[in-house]
């Protein structure tokens, strides 16, 4: 599966801080759970990538 391939898979996404100062992105789908921990600087970089992707997606839909 890639970025441009649509899927009917449903997943849950949770994002929040951990008790040790990391940022966790937690994805669960079916019986699979994927916890991904990032230090705050990495999380800032990821949030910027998401913001830029949203900006680019808006341009495609106008």
C-alpha atoms as a PDB file:
ATOM      1  CA  UNK A   1       0.000   0.000   0.000  1.00  0.00           C
ATOM      2  CA  UNK A   2       1.277   3.485  -0.792  1.00  0.00           C
ATOM      3  CA  UNK A   3       0.303   7.085  -0.242  1.00  0.00           C
ATOM      4  CA  UNK A   4      -2.013   7.234  -3.264  1.00  0.00           C
ATOM      5  CA  UNK A   5      -3.713   3.846  -2.821  1.00  0.00           C
ATOM      6  CA  UNK A   6      -7.078   4.008  -1.078  1.00  0.00           C
ATOM      7  CA  UNK A   7      -8.023   1.404   1.482  1.00  0.00           C
ATOM      8  CA  UNK A   8     -11.126   0.304   3.367  1.00  0.00           C
ATOM      9  CA  UNK A   9      -9.105  -0.530   6.480  1.00  0.00           C
ATOM     10  CA  UNK A  10     -10.352   1.284   9.560  1.00  0.00           C
ATOM     11  CA  UNK A  11      -7.808   2.365  12.135  1.00  0.00           C
ATOM     12  CA  UNK A  12      -7.747   4.335  15.357  1.00  0.00           C
ATOM     13  CA  UNK A  13      -5.142   7.028  15.939  1.00  0.00           C
ATOM     14  CA  UNK A  14      -4.178   8.484  19.297  1.00  0.00           C
ATOM     15  CA  UNK A  15      -1.507  11.113  19.895  1.00  0.00           C
ATOM     16  CA  UNK A  16      -0.309  12.291  23.281  1.00  0.00           C
ATOM     17  CA  UNK A  17       2.555  12.688  25.705  1.00  0.00           C
ATOM     18  CA  UNK A  18       3.990   9.758  27.634  1.00  0.00           C
ATOM     19  CA  UNK A  19       4.981   9.851  31.283  1.00  0.00           C
ATOM     20  CA  UNK A  20       8.678   9.927  30.284  1.00  0.00           C
ATOM     21  CA  UNK A  21       8.459  13.042  28.123  1.00  0.00           C
ATOM     22  CA  UNK A  22       8.033  11.464  24.711  1.00  0.00           C
ATOM     23  CA  UNK A  23       5.249  12.012  22.201  1.00  0.00           C
ATOM     24  CA  UNK A  24       3.445   8.809  21.271  1.00  0.00           C
ATOM     25  CA  UNK A  25       1.539   8.212  18.060  1.00  0.00           C
ATOM     26  CA  UNK A  26      -0.500   5.078  18.643  1.00  0.00           C
ATOM     27  CA  UNK A  27      -2.217   3.324  15.744  1.00  0.00           C
ATOM     28  CA  UNK A  28      -4.483   0.309  16.124  1.00  0.00           C
ATOM     29  CA  UNK A  29      -6.243  -1.581  13.357  1.00  0.00           C
ATOM     30  CA  UNK A  30      -7.861  -4.961  13.721  1.00  0.00           C
ATOM     31  CA  UNK A  31      -5.571  -6.917  16.020  1.00  0.00           C
ATOM     32  CA  UNK A  32      -2.493  -4.817  15.284  1.00  0.00           C
ATOM     33  CA  UNK A  33      -1.221  -2.093  17.590  1.00  0.00           C
ATOM     34  CA  UNK A  34       1.667   0.203  16.653  1.00  0.00           C
ATOM     35  CA  UNK A  35       3.036   2.543  19.316  1.00  0.00           C
ATOM     36  CA  UNK A  36       5.586   5.027  17.950  1.00  0.00           C
ATOM     37  CA  UNK A  37       7.488   7.242  20.384  1.00  0.00           C
ATOM     38  CA  UNK A  38       9.273  10.448  19.383  1.00  0.00           C
ATOM     39  CA  UNK A  39      11.198  13.048  21.304  1.00  0.00           C
ATOM     40  CA  UNK A  40       9.514  16.470  21.260  1.00  0.00           C
ATOM     41  CA  UNK A  41      11.827  17.821  18.527  1.00  0.00           C
ATOM     42  CA  UNK A  42      11.006  14.884  16.245  1.00  0.00           C
ATOM     43  CA  UNK A  43       7.312  15.395  16.971  1.00  0.00           C
ATOM     44  CA  UNK A  44       7.648  19.051  15.938  1.00  0.00           C
ATOM     45  CA  UNK A  45       9.243  17.938  12.650  1.00  0.00           C
ATOM     46  CA  UNK A  46       6.431  15.444  12.046  1.00  0.00           C
ATOM     47  CA  UNK A  47       3.777  18.066  12.771  1.00  0.00           C
ATOM     48  CA  UNK A  48       5.431  20.403  10.259  1.00  0.00           C
ATOM     49  CA  UNK A  49       5.425  17.625   7.627  1.00  0.00           C
ATOM     50  CA  UNK A  50       1.716  17.038   8.281  1.00  0.00           C
ATOM     51  CA  UNK A  51       1.001  20.772   8.015  1.00  0.00           C
ATOM     52  CA  UNK A  52       2.861  21.005   4.698  1.00  0.00           C
ATOM     53  CA  UNK A  53       1.090  17.907   3.345  1.00  0.00           C
ATOM     54  CA  UNK A  54      -2.293  19.408   4.280  1.00  0.00           C
ATOM     55  CA  UNK A  55      -1.327  22.640   2.545  1.00  0.00           C
ATOM     56  CA  UNK A  56      -0.329  20.732  -0.611  1.00  0.00           C
ATOM     57  CA  UNK A  57      -3.545  18.663  -0.517  1.00  0.00           C
ATOM     58  CA  UNK A  58      -5.633  21.841  -0.347  1.00  0.00           C
ATOM     59  CA  UNK A  59      -3.935  23.099  -3.505  1.00  0.00           C
ATOM     60  CA  UNK A  60      -4.870  19.875  -5.302  1.00  0.00           C
ATOM     61  CA  UNK A  61      -8.552  20.224  -4.438  1.00  0.00           C
ATOM     62  CA  UNK A  62      -8.960  23.843  -5.558  1.00  0.00           C
END
